[in-house]
Amino acid sequence: MSKNHASALQEKEMDVYPSRVHAEPRILKRQDPVVHSEWTPDAPLTQEQSDFYERNGYLFLEGFFDREELSRYQEEARRLQITARESEKDEVIREPGGDEVRSVFAVHESDEVFKKLSQHPRLLAIMEYLLGSETYIHQSRINYKPGFTGKEFYWHSDFETWHVEDGMPRMRALSCSIALEDNYPYNGPLMVVPGSHKEFVACIGQTPEDHFKDSLRKQEYGVPDHDSLTRMVKEGGIDTPVGNAGSIVIFDCNIMHGSNSNITPMPRSNIFMVYNSVENKVKQPYSGQKPRPEYIATRESL
């Protein structure tokens, strides 16, 4: 047996969250902790906050950034949106069926303001506590959801995609969403299914080559089946953690989440920073396909 074949078999044997490989969807129990540190009075979260995250898979922190910090991020995000309209870079993702900017990726690398934000000491303290180690940015982006025309993001678990398409081994990552405008229940905010992070929905459908070119505009593979999603919502309900600009939502990599389109006049833009444990670095994609580009999943710069 060749070394490459042996390595491929070993990787497959280590896949405790197989997805997009069966004809029918499956529900698998989570095999990893949610909070990877023991709580102490010195922790950057209260015990109540830590327990809430463990139980529900997300945490909302109102007014995390002060007005001065927030205005700097807002100004830079607006500047990026303007320049992105004329940009041909792959990092700029357009809305499905149009040219409006949907997302700008890898902002922690291309933009000095957002690079410093990704290394914010108060953020890092929380991330390292929840993930139980030093961290790095697996992915960053700004999602723009303008008034009247902002499109939806369908229900999904981030980990399912990161595992299958990026090769993230275990559930030891999380997202931090920073509100650049006030979030309301009606302008397309993040919706989460509390408790859904404790189960893994193994999806159906073989991943097409270069799937990311379509999925970043509209995801059609790696999404839950209706029966699994309905059961999860009946058990956990749907929460919409909303608040003023400068607030943050931290959510586990495996929580089921999505957002509606925005037909209100109020825009909703958010910065997303995905933190992964340095002990959970990506390997070869479990789909067996070539990795997604570096601007979507940090790999070569580690």
C-alpha atoms as a PDB file:
ATOM      1  CA  MET A   1       0.000   0.000   0.000  1.00  0.00           C
ATOM      2  CA  SER A   2       1.416   3.395  -0.958  1.00  0.00           C
ATOM      3  CA  LYS A   3       2.001   6.111   1.628  1.00  0.00           C
ATOM      4  CA  ASN A   4      -0.564   8.370  -0.035  1.00  0.00           C
ATOM      5  CA  HIS A   5      -3.199   5.629  -0.010  1.00  0.00           C
ATOM      6  CA  ALA A   6      -2.457   4.776   3.626  1.00  0.00           C
ATOM      7  CA  SER A   7      -2.698   8.439   4.553  1.00  0.00           C
ATOM      8  CA  ALA A   8      -6.027   8.756   2.733  1.00  0.00           C
ATOM      9  CA  LEU A   9      -7.407   5.724   4.563  1.00  0.00           C
ATOM     10  CA  GLN A  10      -6.241   7.102   7.902  1.00  0.00           C
ATOM     11  CA  GLU A  11      -7.943  10.424   7.229  1.00  0.00           C
ATOM     12  CA  LYS A  12     -11.167   8.643   6.310  1.00  0.00           C
ATOM     13  CA  GLU A  13     -11.067   6.527   9.456  1.00  0.00           C
ATOM     14  CA  MET A  14     -10.718   9.669  11.547  1.00  0.00           C
ATOM     15  CA  ASP A  15     -13.854  11.233  10.057  1.00  0.00           C
ATOM     16  CA  VAL A  16     -16.301  11.171  12.955  1.00  0.00           C
ATOM     17  CA  TYR A  17     -18.715  13.515  11.151  1.00  0.00           C
ATOM     18  CA  PRO A  18     -19.229  12.000   7.671  1.00  0.00           C
ATOM     19  CA  SER A  19     -21.555  14.092   5.510  1.00  0.00           C
ATOM     20  CA  ARG A  20     -22.676  14.183   1.866  1.00  0.00           C
ATOM     21  CA  VAL A  21     -21.822  10.490   1.561  1.00  0.00           C
ATOM     22  CA  HIS A  22     -25.170   8.768   2.248  1.00  0.00           C
ATOM     23  CA  ALA A  23     -28.413   8.655   0.282  1.00  0.00           C
ATOM     24  CA  GLU A  24     -30.440   9.675   3.349  1.00  0.00           C
ATOM     25  CA  PRO A  25     -29.733  12.404   5.928  1.00  0.00           C
ATOM     26  CA  ARG A  26     -28.455  11.247   9.313  1.00  0.00           C
ATOM     27  CA  ILE A  27     -28.290  12.806  12.756  1.00  0.00           C
ATOM     28  CA  LEU A  28     -25.010  12.257  14.616  1.00  0.00           C
ATOM     29  CA  LYS A  29     -24.305  13.107  18.242  1.00  0.00           C
ATOM     30  CA  ARG A  30     -21.659  15.740  18.869  1.00  0.00           C
ATOM     31  CA  GLN A  31     -18.338  14.139  19.863  1.00  0.00           C
ATOM     32  CA  ASP A  32     -16.616  17.331  21.081  1.00  0.00           C
ATOM     33  CA  PRO A  33     -16.983  19.708  24.038  1.00  0.00           C
ATOM     34  CA  VAL A  34     -18.738  23.035  23.535  1.00  0.00           C
ATOM     35  CA  VAL A  35     -16.728  24.976  26.112  1.00  0.00           C
ATOM     36  CA  HIS A  36     -13.151  23.708  26.154  1.00  0.00           C
ATOM     37  CA  SER A  37     -12.038  25.414  29.384  1.00  0.00           C
ATOM     38  CA  GLU A  38     -12.972  24.976  33.021  1.00  0.00           C
ATOM     39  CA  TRP A  39     -14.698  28.109  34.321  1.00  0.00           C
ATOM     40  CA  THR A  40     -12.879  30.112  37.024  1.00  0.00           C
ATOM     41  CA  PRO A  41     -13.564  33.567  38.496  1.00  0.00           C
ATOM     42  CA  ASP A  42     -10.766  34.891  36.254  1.00  0.00           C
ATOM     43  CA  ALA A  43     -12.551  33.796  33.061  1.00  0.00           C
ATOM     44  CA  PRO A  44     -13.521  36.554  30.579  1.00  0.00           C
ATOM     45  CA  LEU A  45     -17.169  35.439  30.809  1.00  0.00           C
ATOM     46  CA  THR A  46     -19.361  35.054  33.853  1.00  0.00           C
ATOM     47  CA  GLN A  47     -20.348  31.537  34.818  1.00  0.00           C
ATOM     48  CA  GLU A  48     -23.903  32.329  33.740  1.00  0.00           C
ATOM     49  CA  GLN A  49     -22.683  33.431  30.284  1.00  0.00           C
ATOM     50  CA  SER A  50     -20.460  30.376  29.932  1.00  0.00           C
ATOM     51  CA  ASP A  51     -23.284  28.033  30.931  1.00  0.00           C
ATOM     52  CA  PHE A  52     -25.668  29.779  28.522  1.00  0.00           C
ATOM     53  CA  TYR A  53     -23.227  29.259  25.642  1.00  0.00           C
ATOM     54  CA  GLU A  54     -22.713  25.624  26.581  1.00  0.00           C
ATOM     55  CA  ARG A  55     -26.467  24.997  26.692  1.00  0.00           C
ATOM     56  CA  ASN A  56     -27.644  27.087  23.739  1.00  0.00           C
ATOM     57  CA  GLY A  57     -24.633  27.292  21.427  1.00  0.00           C
ATOM     58  CA  TYR A  58     -24.525  31.080  21.219  1.00  0.00           C
ATOM     59  CA  LEU A  59     -24.039  34.188  23.354  1.00  0.00           C
ATOM     60  CA  PHE A  60     -25.179  37.766  22.748  1.00  0.00           C
ATOM     61  CA  LEU A  61     -23.147  40.607  24.294  1.00  0.00           C
ATOM     62  CA  GLU A  62     -24.762  44.032  24.012  1.00  0.00           C
ATOM     63  CA  GLY A  63     -22.543  47.109  23.520  1.00  0.00           C
ATOM     64  CA  PHE A  64     -19.280  45.170  23.358  1.00  0.00           C
ATOM     65  CA  PHE A  65     -17.515  47.942  21.420  1.00  0.00           C
ATOM     66  CA  ASP A  66     -17.637  51.599  22.406  1.00  0.00           C
ATOM     67  CA  ARG A  67     -18.752  54.339  20.029  1.00  0.00           C
ATOM     68  CA  GLU A  68     -15.227  55.335  19.008  1.00  0.00           C
ATOM     69  CA  GLU A  69     -14.237  51.784  18.062  1.00  0.00           C
ATOM     70  CA  LEU A  70     -17.538  51.174  16.312  1.00  0.00           C
ATOM     71  CA  SER A  71     -17.351  54.329  14.195  1.00  0.00           C
ATOM     72  CA  ARG A  72     -13.915  53.267  12.962  1.00  0.00           C
ATOM     73  CA  TYR A  73     -15.233  49.871  11.875  1.00  0.00           C
ATOM     74  CA  GLN A  74     -18.327  51.387  10.268  1.00  0.00           C
ATOM     75  CA  GLU A  75     -16.303  53.889   8.272  1.00  0.00           C
ATOM     76  CA  GLU A  76     -13.888  51.214   7.052  1.00  0.00           C
ATOM     77  CA  ALA A  77     -16.720  48.829   6.097  1.00  0.00           C
ATOM     78  CA  ARG A  78     -18.412  51.562   4.044  1.00  0.00           C
ATOM     79  CA  ARG A  79     -15.134  52.336   2.304  1.00  0.00           C
ATOM     80  CA  LEU A  80     -14.629  48.664   1.456  1.00  0.00           C
ATOM     81  CA  GLN A  81     -18.165  48.374   0.116  1.00  0.00           C
ATOM     82  CA  ILE A  82     -17.590  51.275  -2.289  1.00  0.00           C
ATOM     83  CA  THR A  83     -14.267  49.941  -3.574  1.00  0.00           C
ATOM     84  CA  ALA A  84     -15.649  46.400  -3.823  1.00  0.00           C
ATOM     85  CA  ARG A  85     -18.324  47.500  -6.295  1.00  0.00           C
ATOM     86  CA  GLU A  86     -15.660  48.104  -8.908  1.00  0.00           C
ATOM     87  CA  SER A  87     -13.399  45.247  -7.856  1.00  0.00           C
ATOM     88  CA  GLU A  88     -12.831  42.057  -9.849  1.00  0.00           C
ATOM     89  CA  LYS A  89     -11.152  40.252  -6.942  1.00  0.00           C
ATOM     90  CA  ASP A  90     -12.349  36.779  -6.020  1.00  0.00           C
ATOM     91  CA  GLU A  91     -12.754  37.927  -2.421  1.00  0.00           C
ATOM     92  CA  VAL A  92     -15.759  40.054  -3.463  1.00  0.00           C
ATOM     93  CA  ILE A  93     -18.952  37.997  -3.615  1.00  0.00           C
ATOM     94  CA  ARG A  94     -22.018  39.310  -5.465  1.00  0.00           C
ATOM     95  CA  GLU A  95     -25.687  38.748  -4.703  1.00  0.00           C
ATOM     96  CA  PRO A  96     -27.351  35.918  -6.649  1.00  0.00           C
ATOM     97  CA  GLY A  97     -28.812  37.267  -9.869  1.00  0.00           C
ATOM     98  CA  GLY A  98     -27.124  40.666  -9.578  1.00  0.00           C
ATOM     99  CA  ASP A  99     -23.943  42.688  -9.069  1.00  0.00           C
ATOM    100  CA  GLU A 100     -24.656  44.090  -5.600  1.00  0.00           C
ATOM    101  CA  VAL A 101     -21.864  43.278  -3.129  1.00  0.00           C
ATOM    102  CA  ARG A 102     -22.956  40.454  -0.802  1.00  0.00           C
ATOM    103  CA  SER A 103     -19.705  39.776   1.054  1.00  0.00           C
ATOM    104  CA  VAL A 104     -16.046  40.737   1.131  1.00  0.00           C
ATOM    105  CA  PHE A 105     -13.777  37.949   2.395  1.00  0.00           C
ATOM    106  CA  ALA A 106     -10.364  37.853   4.098  1.00  0.00           C
ATOM    107  CA  VAL A 107     -10.708  41.341   5.564  1.00  0.00           C
ATOM    108  CA  HIS A 108      -8.436  40.370   8.482  1.00  0.00           C
ATOM    109  CA  GLU A 109      -5.574  40.029   5.979  1.00  0.00           C
ATOM    110  CA  SER A 110      -6.262  42.739   3.419  1.00  0.00           C
ATOM    111  CA  ASP A 111      -7.332  45.543   5.759  1.00  0.00           C
ATOM    112  CA  GLU A 112      -5.261  46.893   8.643  1.00  0.00           C
ATOM    113  CA  VAL A 113      -8.292  48.075  10.646  1.00  0.00           C
ATOM    114  CA  PHE A 114      -9.909  44.651  10.563  1.00  0.00           C
ATOM    115  CA  LYS A 115      -6.608  42.891  11.150  1.00  0.00           C
ATOM    116  CA  LYS A 116      -6.334  44.762  14.458  1.00  0.00           C
ATOM    117  CA  LEU A 117      -9.974  43.977  15.194  1.00  0.00           C
ATOM    118  CA  SER A 118      -9.320  40.245  14.746  1.00  0.00           C
ATOM    119  CA  GLN A 119      -6.575  40.546  17.376  1.00  0.00           C
ATOM    120  CA  HIS A 120      -8.640  42.610  19.822  1.00  0.00           C
ATOM    121  CA  PRO A 121      -7.502  41.540  23.331  1.00  0.00           C
ATOM    122  CA  ARG A 122     -11.026  41.296  24.792  1.00  0.00           C
ATOM    123  CA  LEU A 123     -12.201  39.212  21.847  1.00  0.00           C
ATOM    124  CA  LEU A 124      -9.187  36.916  21.960  1.00  0.00           C
ATOM    125  CA  ALA A 125      -9.638  36.306  25.690  1.00  0.00           C
ATOM    126  CA  ILE A 126     -13.174  35.028  25.113  1.00  0.00           C
ATOM    127  CA  MET A 127     -12.218  32.932  22.088  1.00  0.00           C
ATOM    128  CA  GLU A 128      -9.284  31.307  23.849  1.00  0.00           C
ATOM    129  CA  TYR A 129     -11.450  30.551  26.880  1.00  0.00           C
ATOM    130  CA  LEU A 130     -14.245  28.939  24.844  1.00  0.00           C
ATOM    131  CA  LEU A 131     -11.878  27.017  22.548  1.00  0.00           C
ATOM    132  CA  GLY A 132      -9.354  26.136  25.263  1.00  0.00           C
ATOM    133  CA  SER A 133      -6.227  27.138  23.349  1.00  0.00           C
ATOM    134  CA  GLU A 134      -4.623  29.795  21.220  1.00  0.00           C
ATOM    135  CA  THR A 135      -6.616  30.548  18.097  1.00  0.00           C
ATOM    136  CA  TYR A 136      -6.238  31.754  14.532  1.00  0.00           C
ATOM    137  CA  ILE A 137      -8.659  33.223  11.994  1.00  0.00           C
ATOM    138  CA  HIS A 138     -10.048  30.468   9.785  1.00  0.00           C
ATOM    139  CA  GLN A 139     -12.195  32.909   7.813  1.00  0.00           C
ATOM    140  CA  SER A 140     -13.267  36.554   7.932  1.00  0.00           C
ATOM    141  CA  ARG A 141     -15.747  38.556   5.926  1.00  0.00           C
ATOM    142  CA  ILE A 142     -18.134  41.469   5.944  1.00  0.00           C
ATOM    143  CA  ASN A 143     -21.702  40.597   4.990  1.00  0.00           C
ATOM    144  CA  TYR A 144     -23.655  43.486   3.520  1.00  0.00           C
ATOM    145  CA  LYS A 145     -27.425  43.248   3.666  1.00  0.00           C
ATOM    146  CA  PRO A 146     -28.724  46.576   2.303  1.00  0.00           C
ATOM    147  CA  GLY A 147     -32.224  47.847   2.849  1.00  0.00           C
ATOM    148  CA  PHE A 148     -34.897  46.584   0.445  1.00  0.00           C
ATOM    149  CA  THR A 149     -32.605  44.224  -1.510  1.00  0.00           C
ATOM    150  CA  GLY A 150     -30.487  42.239   0.981  1.00  0.00           C
ATOM    151  CA  LYS A 151     -30.838  38.517   0.256  1.00  0.00           C
ATOM    152  CA  GLU A 152     -31.260  35.654   2.704  1.00  0.00           C
ATOM    153  CA  PHE A 153     -28.662  33.137   3.946  1.00  0.00           C
ATOM    154  CA  TYR A 154     -30.292  29.705   4.109  1.00  0.00           C
ATOM    155  CA  TRP A 155     -30.171  27.430   7.184  1.00  0.00           C
ATOM    156  CA  HIS A 156     -26.873  25.621   7.662  1.00  0.00           C
ATOM    157  CA  SER A 157     -24.227  24.476  10.098  1.00  0.00           C
ATOM    158  CA  ASP A 158     -20.908  26.156   9.338  1.00  0.00           C
ATOM    159  CA  PHE A 159     -18.998  23.145  10.574  1.00  0.00           C
ATOM    160  CA  GLU A 160     -20.632  20.862   8.015  1.00  0.00           C
ATOM    161  CA  THR A 161     -19.100  22.922   5.202  1.00  0.00           C
ATOM    162  CA  TRP A 162     -15.815  23.592   6.972  1.00  0.00           C
ATOM    163  CA  HIS A 163     -15.458  19.872   7.668  1.00  0.00           C
ATOM    164  CA  VAL A 164     -16.450  18.542   4.238  1.00  0.00           C
ATOM    165  CA  GLU A 165     -14.982  21.264   2.014  1.00  0.00           C
ATOM    166  CA  ASP A 166     -12.104  22.623   4.133  1.00  0.00           C
ATOM    167  CA  GLY A 167     -10.999  19.606   6.186  1.00  0.00           C
ATOM    168  CA  MET A 168     -11.666  21.011   9.670  1.00  0.00           C
ATOM    169  CA  PRO A 169     -11.402  17.883  11.846  1.00  0.00           C
ATOM    170  CA  ARG A 170     -13.418  18.662  14.968  1.00  0.00           C
ATOM    171  CA  MET A 171     -15.973  21.086  16.394  1.00  0.00           C
ATOM    172  CA  ARG A 172     -13.489  23.447  18.013  1.00  0.00           C
ATOM    173  CA  ALA A 173     -14.247  26.692  16.192  1.00  0.00           C
ATOM    174  CA  LEU A 174     -16.733  29.530  16.518  1.00  0.00           C
ATOM    175  CA  SER A 175     -17.929  32.686  14.809  1.00  0.00           C
ATOM    176  CA  CYS A 176     -18.096  36.205  16.155  1.00  0.00           C
ATOM    177  CA  SER A 177     -20.584  38.487  14.407  1.00  0.00           C
ATOM    178  CA  ILE A 178     -20.125  42.210  15.050  1.00  0.00           C
ATOM    179  CA  ALA A 179     -23.134  44.407  14.313  1.00  0.00           C
ATOM    180  CA  LEU A 180     -22.237  47.494  12.273  1.00  0.00           C
ATOM    181  CA  GLU A 181     -25.834  48.736  12.311  1.00  0.00           C
ATOM    182  CA  ASP A 182     -28.687  48.239  14.729  1.00  0.00           C
ATOM    183  CA  ASN A 183     -30.161  44.775  14.297  1.00  0.00           C
ATOM    184  CA  TYR A 184     -33.938  44.398  14.511  1.00  0.00           C
ATOM    185  CA  PRO A 185     -36.123  41.278  14.375  1.00  0.00           C
ATOM    186  CA  TYR A 186     -37.369  42.446  10.958  1.00  0.00           C
ATOM    187  CA  ASN A 187     -34.271  43.492   8.953  1.00  0.00           C
ATOM    188  CA  GLY A 188     -32.841  40.049   8.297  1.00  0.00           C
ATOM    189  CA  PRO A 189     -30.948  39.355  11.530  1.00  0.00           C
ATOM    190  CA  LEU A 190     -29.125  36.174  12.423  1.00  0.00           C
ATOM    191  CA  MET A 191     -31.498  33.393  13.483  1.00  0.00           C
ATOM    192  CA  VAL A 192     -30.215  30.466  15.542  1.00  0.00           C
ATOM    193  CA  VAL A 193     -31.755  27.216  16.766  1.00  0.00           C
ATOM    194  CA  PRO A 194     -30.748  26.914  20.451  1.00  0.00           C
ATOM    195  CA  GLY A 195     -29.349  23.514  21.351  1.00  0.00           C
ATOM    196  CA  SER A 196     -28.919  22.410  17.736  1.00  0.00           C
ATOM    197  CA  HIS A 197     -25.144  22.502  18.170  1.00  0.00           C
ATOM    198  CA  LYS A 198     -25.340  19.258  20.168  1.00  0.00           C
ATOM    199  CA  GLU A 199     -26.267  17.279  17.045  1.00  0.00           C
ATOM    200  CA  PHE A 200     -24.711  17.070  13.591  1.00  0.00           C
ATOM    201  CA  VAL A 201     -26.948  16.866  10.539  1.00  0.00           C
ATOM    202  CA  ALA A 202     -25.162  14.769   7.932  1.00  0.00           C
ATOM    203  CA  CYS A 203     -26.425  16.165   4.631  1.00  0.00           C
ATOM    204  CA  ILE A 204     -27.090  14.439   1.342  1.00  0.00           C
ATOM    205  CA  GLY A 205     -25.780  15.232  -2.132  1.00  0.00           C
ATOM    206  CA  GLN A 206     -22.256  14.917  -3.500  1.00  0.00           C
ATOM    207  CA  THR A 207     -20.380  18.202  -3.511  1.00  0.00           C
ATOM    208  CA  PRO A 208     -19.817  19.585  -7.029  1.00  0.00           C
ATOM    209  CA  GLU A 209     -16.316  20.650  -7.990  1.00  0.00           C
ATOM    210  CA  ASP A 210     -15.574  24.309  -7.144  1.00  0.00           C
ATOM    211  CA  HIS A 211     -18.839  24.410  -5.222  1.00  0.00           C
ATOM    212  CA  PHE A 212     -17.761  27.579  -3.405  1.00  0.00           C
ATOM    213  CA  LYS A 213     -18.235  29.646  -6.565  1.00  0.00           C
ATOM    214  CA  ASP A 214     -21.993  29.161  -6.248  1.00  0.00           C
ATOM    215  CA  SER A 215     -22.448  28.420  -2.540  1.00  0.00           C
ATOM    216  CA  LEU A 216     -21.131  31.810  -1.376  1.00  0.00           C
ATOM    217  CA  ARG A 217     -23.930  33.420  -3.389  1.00  0.00           C
ATOM    218  CA  LYS A 218     -26.604  30.812  -2.713  1.00  0.00           C
ATOM    219  CA  GLN A 219     -25.951  27.579  -0.838  1.00  0.00           C
ATOM    220  CA  GLU A 220     -27.663  24.446  -2.158  1.00  0.00           C
ATOM    221  CA  TYR A 221     -25.383  21.663  -0.861  1.00  0.00           C
ATOM    222  CA  GLY A 222     -24.530  21.160   2.793  1.00  0.00           C
ATOM    223  CA  VAL A 223     -27.954  22.385   3.915  1.00  0.00           C
ATOM    224  CA  PRO A 224     -30.213  20.434   6.300  1.00  0.00           C
ATOM    225  CA  ASP A 225     -33.165  18.400   5.095  1.00  0.00           C
ATOM    226  CA  HIS A 226     -36.605  19.726   6.039  1.00  0.00           C
ATOM    227  CA  ASP A 227     -37.430  16.921   8.481  1.00  0.00           C
ATOM    228  CA  SER A 228     -34.218  17.336  10.507  1.00  0.00           C
ATOM    229  CA  LEU A 229     -34.576  21.104  10.601  1.00  0.00           C
ATOM    230  CA  THR A 230     -38.248  20.897  11.597  1.00  0.00           C
ATOM    231  CA  ARG A 231     -37.449  18.547  14.484  1.00  0.00           C
ATOM    232  CA  MET A 232     -34.637  20.785  15.726  1.00  0.00           C
ATOM    233  CA  VAL A 233     -36.837  23.888  15.629  1.00  0.00           C
ATOM    234  CA  LYS A 234     -39.687  22.097  17.409  1.00  0.00           C
ATOM    235  CA  GLU A 235     -37.259  21.107  20.170  1.00  0.00           C
ATOM    236  CA  GLY A 236     -35.208  24.290  20.483  1.00  0.00           C
ATOM    237  CA  GLY A 237     -37.222  27.062  18.864  1.00  0.00           C
ATOM    238  CA  ILE A 238     -35.646  29.960  16.995  1.00  0.00           C
ATOM    239  CA  ASP A 239     -33.849  32.871  18.670  1.00  0.00           C
ATOM    240  CA  THR A 240     -32.985  36.178  17.014  1.00  0.00           C
ATOM    241  CA  PRO A 241     -30.241  37.784  19.147  1.00  0.00           C
ATOM    242  CA  VAL A 242     -30.610  41.432  18.175  1.00  0.00           C
ATOM    243  CA  GLY A 243     -29.392  44.733  19.571  1.00  0.00           C
ATOM    244  CA  ASN A 244     -27.621  47.974  18.860  1.00  0.00           C
ATOM    245  CA  ALA A 245     -24.612  48.474  16.613  1.00  0.00           C
ATOM    246  CA  GLY A 246     -21.450  47.485  18.463  1.00  0.00           C
ATOM    247  CA  SER A 247     -23.028  44.361  19.936  1.00  0.00           C
ATOM    248  CA  ILE A 248     -21.642  40.921  19.157  1.00  0.00           C
ATOM    249  CA  VAL A 249     -23.034  37.417  18.787  1.00  0.00           C
ATOM    250  CA  ILE A 250     -20.680  34.510  19.427  1.00  0.00           C
ATOM    251  CA  PHE A 251     -21.960  31.212  18.068  1.00  0.00           C
ATOM    252  CA  ASP A 252     -20.663  27.670  17.934  1.00  0.00           C
ATOM    253  CA  CYS A 253     -19.453  26.292  14.610  1.00  0.00           C
ATOM    254  CA  ASN A 254     -22.168  23.621  14.554  1.00  0.00           C
ATOM    255  CA  ILE A 255     -25.257  25.605  15.537  1.00  0.00           C
ATOM    256  CA  MET A 256     -28.000  25.666  12.920  1.00  0.00           C
ATOM    257  CA  HIS A 257     -28.470  29.245  11.750  1.00  0.00           C
ATOM    258  CA  GLY A 258     -29.578  31.444   8.854  1.00  0.00           C
ATOM    259  CA  SER A 259     -31.171  34.804   8.100  1.00  0.00           C
ATOM    260  CA  ASN A 260     -34.110  36.168   6.142  1.00  0.00           C
ATOM    261  CA  SER A 261     -33.930  38.670   3.314  1.00  0.00           C
ATOM    262  CA  ASN A 262     -34.154  42.346   4.215  1.00  0.00           C
ATOM    263  CA  ILE A 263     -37.114  44.165   2.662  1.00  0.00           C
ATOM    264  CA  THR A 264     -37.023  46.990   5.222  1.00  0.00           C
ATOM    265  CA  PRO A 265     -35.299  50.358   4.641  1.00  0.00           C
ATOM    266  CA  MET A 266     -32.836  49.577   7.470  1.00  0.00           C
ATOM    267  CA  PRO A 267     -29.550  48.057   6.274  1.00  0.00           C
ATOM    268  CA  ARG A 268     -27.843  45.300   8.233  1.00  0.00           C
ATOM    269  CA  SER A 269     -24.103  44.788   7.861  1.00  0.00           C
ATOM    270  CA  ASN A 270     -21.961  42.575  10.056  1.00  0.00           C
ATOM    271  CA  ILE A 271     -18.305  41.661  10.384  1.00  0.00           C
ATOM    272  CA  PHE A 272     -17.713  37.925  10.809  1.00  0.00           C
ATOM    273  CA  MET A 273     -14.541  36.573  12.339  1.00  0.00           C
ATOM    274  CA  VAL A 274     -14.203  32.789  12.537  1.00  0.00           C
ATOM    275  CA  TYR A 275     -11.787  31.628  15.227  1.00  0.00           C
ATOM    276  CA  ASN A 276     -10.386  28.102  15.154  1.00  0.00           C
ATOM    277  CA  SER A 277      -8.190  26.372  17.705  1.00  0.00           C
ATOM    278  CA  VAL A 278      -4.539  26.016  16.699  1.00  0.00           C
ATOM    279  CA  GLU A 279      -5.008  22.373  17.720  1.00  0.00           C
ATOM    280  CA  ASN A 280      -7.767  21.961  15.114  1.00  0.00           C
ATOM    281  CA  LYS A 281      -6.036  23.132  11.936  1.00  0.00           C
ATOM    282  CA  VAL A 282      -7.583  22.100   8.656  1.00  0.00           C
ATOM    283  CA  LYS A 283      -6.396  19.016   6.781  1.00  0.00           C
ATOM    284  CA  GLN A 284      -7.389  17.724   3.377  1.00  0.00           C
ATOM    285  CA  PRO A 285     -11.132  18.187   2.731  1.00  0.00           C
ATOM    286  CA  TYR A 286     -13.152  15.166   3.816  1.00  0.00           C
ATOM    287  CA  SER A 287     -14.952  15.313   0.474  1.00  0.00           C
ATOM    288  CA  GLY A 288     -11.713  14.190  -1.158  1.00  0.00           C
ATOM    289  CA  GLN A 289     -11.768  17.261  -3.400  1.00  0.00           C
ATOM    290  CA  LYS A 290      -9.270  20.076  -3.689  1.00  0.00           C
ATOM    291  CA  PRO A 291      -9.345  22.648  -0.862  1.00  0.00           C
ATOM    292  CA  ARG A 292     -11.274  25.877  -1.188  1.00  0.00           C
ATOM    293  CA  PRO A 293      -9.176  29.018  -1.809  1.00  0.00           C
ATOM    294  CA  GLU A 294      -7.099  30.589   0.932  1.00  0.00           C
ATOM    295  CA  TYR A 295      -9.339  33.659   1.172  1.00  0.00           C
ATOM    296  CA  ILE A 296     -12.215  31.394   2.281  1.00  0.00           C
ATOM    297  CA  ALA A 297     -10.283  28.970   4.492  1.00  0.00           C
ATOM    298  CA  THR A 298      -6.890  29.828   5.977  1.00  0.00           C
ATOM    299  CA  ARG A 299      -4.453  27.024   5.227  1.00  0.00           C
ATOM    300  CA  GLU A 300      -1.153  28.063   3.643  1.00  0.00           C
ATOM    301  CA  SER A 301      -0.480  31.042   5.921  1.00  0.00           C
ATOM    302  CA  LEU A 302      -0.573  29.002   9.151  1.00  0.00           C
END
